[in-house]
Protein backbone atom coordinates (compact mmCIF):
# COMPACT_ATOMS: atom_id res chain seq x y z
CA MET A 1 96.92 77.46 121.01
CA LEU A 2 99.82 76.46 122.92
CA THR A 3 101.53 75.53 119.62
CA HIS A 4 101.71 79.30 118.68
CA LEU A 5 101.96 80.70 122.26
CA ARG A 6 105.25 78.68 122.98
CA PRO A 7 107.67 79.93 119.99
CA ALA A 8 105.88 83.67 120.64
CA PHE A 9 106.93 83.34 124.04
CA SER A 10 110.12 81.71 123.68
CA LEU A 11 110.87 84.80 121.07
CA VAL A 12 110.18 87.28 123.86
CA VAL A 13 112.42 85.78 126.42
CA LEU A 14 115.18 85.52 123.88
CA PHE A 15 115.19 89.32 122.74
CA THR A 16 114.73 90.59 126.05
CA LEU A 17 117.77 88.95 127.26
CA LEU A 18 119.36 89.71 124.12
CA LEU A 19 118.58 93.12 123.90
CA GLY A 20 118.17 93.70 127.32
CA LEU A 21 120.94 92.56 128.84
CA VAL A 22 123.57 90.90 126.26
CA PHE A 23 124.08 94.06 124.16
CA PRO A 24 123.75 96.75 126.68
CA LEU A 25 126.63 94.95 128.93
CA GLY A 26 128.67 94.04 125.54
CA PHE A 27 128.39 97.98 124.37
CA VAL A 28 129.44 98.84 127.95
CA GLY A 29 132.29 96.49 128.17
CA VAL A 30 133.40 97.79 124.87
CA GLY A 31 132.88 101.26 126.05
CA ALA A 32 135.21 100.62 129.14
CA VAL A 33 138.13 99.15 127.31
CA VAL A 34 138.16 101.59 124.16
CA PHE A 35 137.10 104.69 125.71
CA PRO A 36 137.92 104.52 129.31
CA PHE A 37 137.77 108.07 129.90
CA GLN A 38 134.60 109.03 128.52
CA ALA A 39 132.91 105.86 130.08
CA ASN A 40 133.85 106.63 133.59
CA GLY A 41 132.34 110.01 133.18
CA SER A 42 135.30 111.88 131.82
CA LEU A 43 136.81 112.48 135.24
CA ILE A 44 139.73 114.52 135.83
CA VAL A 45 142.27 113.57 138.28
CA ARG A 46 145.22 115.00 140.29
CA ASP A 47 147.23 113.16 142.45
CA GLY A 48 144.91 110.15 142.44
CA LYS A 49 141.73 112.37 143.44
CA GLN A 50 139.03 113.41 141.41
CA VAL A 51 138.53 117.26 140.99
CA GLY A 52 135.77 117.49 138.43
CA SER A 53 134.40 116.05 135.35
CA ALA A 54 135.05 117.66 131.76
CA LEU A 55 131.41 117.33 131.05
CA ILE A 56 130.02 119.27 134.01
CA GLY A 57 130.93 123.07 134.92
CA GLU A 58 131.76 124.34 138.33
CA ASN A 59 130.85 127.74 140.15
CA PHE A 60 133.81 129.34 139.90
CA THR A 61 133.25 132.90 141.62
CA SER A 62 137.00 134.34 142.31
CA ASP A 63 138.30 136.70 139.90
CA ARG A 64 141.34 134.52 139.42
CA PHE A 65 139.48 131.95 137.62
CA PHE A 66 137.84 132.43 134.61
CA HIS A 67 133.85 131.60 134.94
CA GLY A 68 131.70 129.67 133.11
CA ARG A 69 127.68 130.77 131.97
CA GLU A 70 124.79 131.60 134.22
CA SER A 71 123.33 128.86 135.94
CA ALA A 72 119.67 129.08 136.82
CA ILE A 73 119.56 126.02 138.98
CA SER A 74 118.07 126.47 142.37
CA GLY A 75 117.60 124.49 145.52
CA THR A 76 115.39 124.29 148.64
CA ASP A 77 116.43 127.15 151.25
CA PRO A 78 118.10 125.37 154.25
CA LYS A 79 116.59 128.31 156.47
CA ASP A 80 113.19 127.84 154.75
CA ALA A 81 111.75 124.71 153.05
CA SER A 82 108.99 126.77 151.45
CA LYS A 83 111.69 128.92 149.48
CA THR A 84 114.18 127.97 147.26
CA VAL A 85 117.90 129.74 147.01
CA PRO A 86 120.39 129.40 143.95
CA THR A 87 122.41 126.43 143.85
CA PRO A 88 124.51 127.22 140.68
CA TYR A 89 126.16 124.25 138.91
CA ASP A 90 124.43 121.65 141.33
CA ALA A 91 125.38 118.20 139.92
CA SER A 92 122.72 116.57 141.34
CA THR A 93 120.15 118.32 138.97
CA SER A 94 119.67 120.22 135.55
CA THR A 95 117.47 122.83 134.70
CA ALA A 96 117.29 126.19 132.68
CA SER A 97 115.59 129.45 134.11
CA ASN A 98 112.29 129.21 132.05
CA LEU A 99 111.82 133.00 132.20
CA ALA A 100 109.97 134.65 129.30
CA PRO A 101 111.48 136.96 126.78
CA THR A 102 109.33 139.54 128.78
CA SER A 103 110.57 138.77 132.24
CA LYS A 104 111.58 141.99 134.02
CA ALA A 105 114.04 139.49 136.18
CA LEU A 106 115.71 138.36 132.81
CA HIS A 107 115.79 141.61 131.53
CA ASP A 108 117.69 143.35 134.52
CA ARG A 109 120.06 140.38 135.14
CA VAL A 110 121.25 140.67 131.65
CA ALA A 111 121.43 144.42 131.68
CA GLY A 112 123.58 143.86 134.83
CA ASP A 113 125.89 141.66 133.54
CA VAL A 114 126.47 143.72 130.23
CA ALA A 115 126.94 146.83 132.26
CA THR A 116 129.97 144.79 134.38
CA LEU A 117 131.33 143.34 130.96
CA VAL A 118 131.52 147.02 129.81
CA LYS A 119 133.19 148.12 132.93
CA GLN A 120 135.54 145.48 132.23
CA GLY A 121 136.20 146.75 128.63
CA ALA A 122 133.83 145.11 126.65
CA THR A 123 132.12 146.73 123.85
CA ALA A 124 128.54 146.77 124.24
CA GLY A 125 127.67 145.86 120.68
CA THR A 126 130.05 142.95 120.64
CA ILE A 127 129.57 140.94 123.78
CA PRO A 128 129.30 137.42 123.11
CA MET A 129 125.82 135.89 123.63
CA ASP A 130 126.91 133.04 126.21
CA SER A 131 128.42 135.69 128.66
CA VAL A 132 124.78 137.12 129.20
CA THR A 133 122.83 134.06 128.68
CA SER A 134 122.02 131.08 130.98
CA SER A 135 122.85 127.63 130.22
CA GLY A 136 120.39 125.42 129.08
CA SER A 137 121.47 122.64 131.36
CA GLY A 138 122.89 124.81 134.19
CA LEU A 139 125.98 122.47 133.62
CA ASP A 140 127.61 123.67 130.80
CA PRO A 141 131.29 123.14 130.63
CA ASP A 142 132.19 125.24 128.04
CA ILE A 143 132.09 128.83 127.11
CA SER A 144 133.03 130.63 123.53
CA PRO A 145 136.51 131.71 123.16
CA ASP A 146 135.11 135.33 122.52
CA TYR A 147 133.42 134.90 126.34
CA ALA A 148 137.11 133.80 127.65
CA ALA A 149 139.08 136.53 126.02
CA LEU A 150 136.72 139.14 127.56
CA GLN A 151 137.91 137.50 130.98
CA ALA A 152 141.42 137.06 130.35
CA PRO A 153 142.46 140.83 131.68
CA VAL A 154 140.56 140.48 134.51
CA VAL A 155 141.85 136.95 135.50
CA ALA A 156 145.46 138.60 134.58
CA ALA A 157 144.87 141.41 136.94
CA ALA A 158 143.88 139.24 139.88
CA ARG A 159 146.71 136.85 139.56
CA HIS A 160 149.24 139.71 138.69
CA VAL A 161 150.50 137.99 135.53
CA PRO A 162 150.84 139.42 132.30
CA VAL A 163 147.65 139.32 130.28
CA GLU A 164 149.49 138.17 127.27
CA THR A 165 150.46 134.78 129.43
CA VAL A 166 146.80 134.14 130.04
CA ARG A 167 145.87 134.96 126.55
CA GLN A 168 148.52 132.15 125.31
CA LEU A 169 147.21 129.65 127.77
CA LEU A 170 143.47 130.16 126.85
CA ALA A 171 144.86 129.75 122.93
CA ALA A 172 146.41 126.29 123.70
CA HIS A 173 142.91 125.58 125.66
CA THR A 174 140.70 126.32 122.87
CA GLN A 175 139.26 123.42 121.08
CA GLY A 176 137.92 123.84 117.40
CA ARG A 177 134.69 122.24 115.88
CA MET A 178 134.76 118.18 115.83
CA LEU A 179 136.10 117.08 112.55
CA GLY A 180 136.28 120.73 111.43
CA VAL A 181 132.58 120.88 110.92
CA PHE A 182 130.11 119.80 114.02
CA GLY A 183 129.87 122.43 116.97
CA GLU A 184 131.67 125.66 117.91
CA PRO A 185 135.04 126.44 118.71
CA ARG A 186 134.74 126.13 122.68
CA VAL A 187 136.75 126.31 125.98
CA ASN A 188 136.42 123.88 128.40
CA VAL A 189 136.31 126.09 131.81
CA LEU A 190 137.58 123.57 134.37
CA ARG A 191 140.38 122.29 132.11
CA LEU A 192 141.37 126.11 131.71
CA ASN A 193 141.31 127.14 134.97
CA LEU A 194 143.30 123.76 136.27
CA ALA A 195 146.18 124.58 134.07
CA LEU A 196 145.99 128.04 135.17
CA GLU A 197 146.49 127.11 138.78
CA SER A 198 149.34 124.73 137.64
CA LEU A 199 150.55 127.50 135.25
CA SER A 200 150.69 129.68 138.42
CA ARG A 201 152.47 127.29 140.77
CA SER A 202 155.02 126.06 138.39
CA GLY A 203 155.94 129.14 136.36
CA ALA A 204 155.97 127.19 133.21
CA ALA A 205 155.34 128.40 129.97
CA PRO A 206 151.64 128.15 128.63
CA GLY A 207 152.81 125.56 125.77
CA SER A 208 153.70 123.18 128.79
CA ALA A 209 150.67 123.99 131.00
CA ASN A 210 148.32 122.61 128.58
CA LYS A 211 149.29 119.12 129.40
CA VAL A 212 148.54 119.28 133.27
CA GLN A 213 145.29 118.74 134.65
CA THR A 214 145.42 120.02 138.14
CA SER A 215 144.06 121.66 140.81
CA SER A 216 140.23 122.60 142.06
CA ASN A 217 138.63 125.98 142.40
């Protein structure tokens, strides 16, 4: 019996060490060397300080900045532990709204968002889906170029700069499909806002601002 168990036990130990320790550490090591930015969380740094991650959205609320998608994340109300309060883009958790299509709260919120966008100059029949629907994770870092374009006039007015300047910056930060096939064109909200701040501070042309990763919300 021991004759049969010994090789079986040895194989279990060997493959546990190989597949549970050696391979994972090897992949981590290779990733850190070959893809250091991605392996370390795609962190965006300015002046030696971390100001965010390219993979996690942030809750921009001022008209001076582009806004991300609706985030349905909520947390415990500090004043009443039995209740919850909205904590959009709370990176310590991730969740969707889980509201049904028949939810009155969902309909009211979407109707309010549509009304706001129409007041800002959008046409009701051409409003981008991501401008009125919440993020599935609550942490989406990207929005569609169409949604960003809707916000450009508002941002330009708040910053007292020509809207064409903001649109040029937006175009410089629009990413296409991966390998020309996968995914959809997108705009990273944090990167765009950081470059927008840099543009305002330096007075540089949009083309040069796209190389700068600066500021915070």
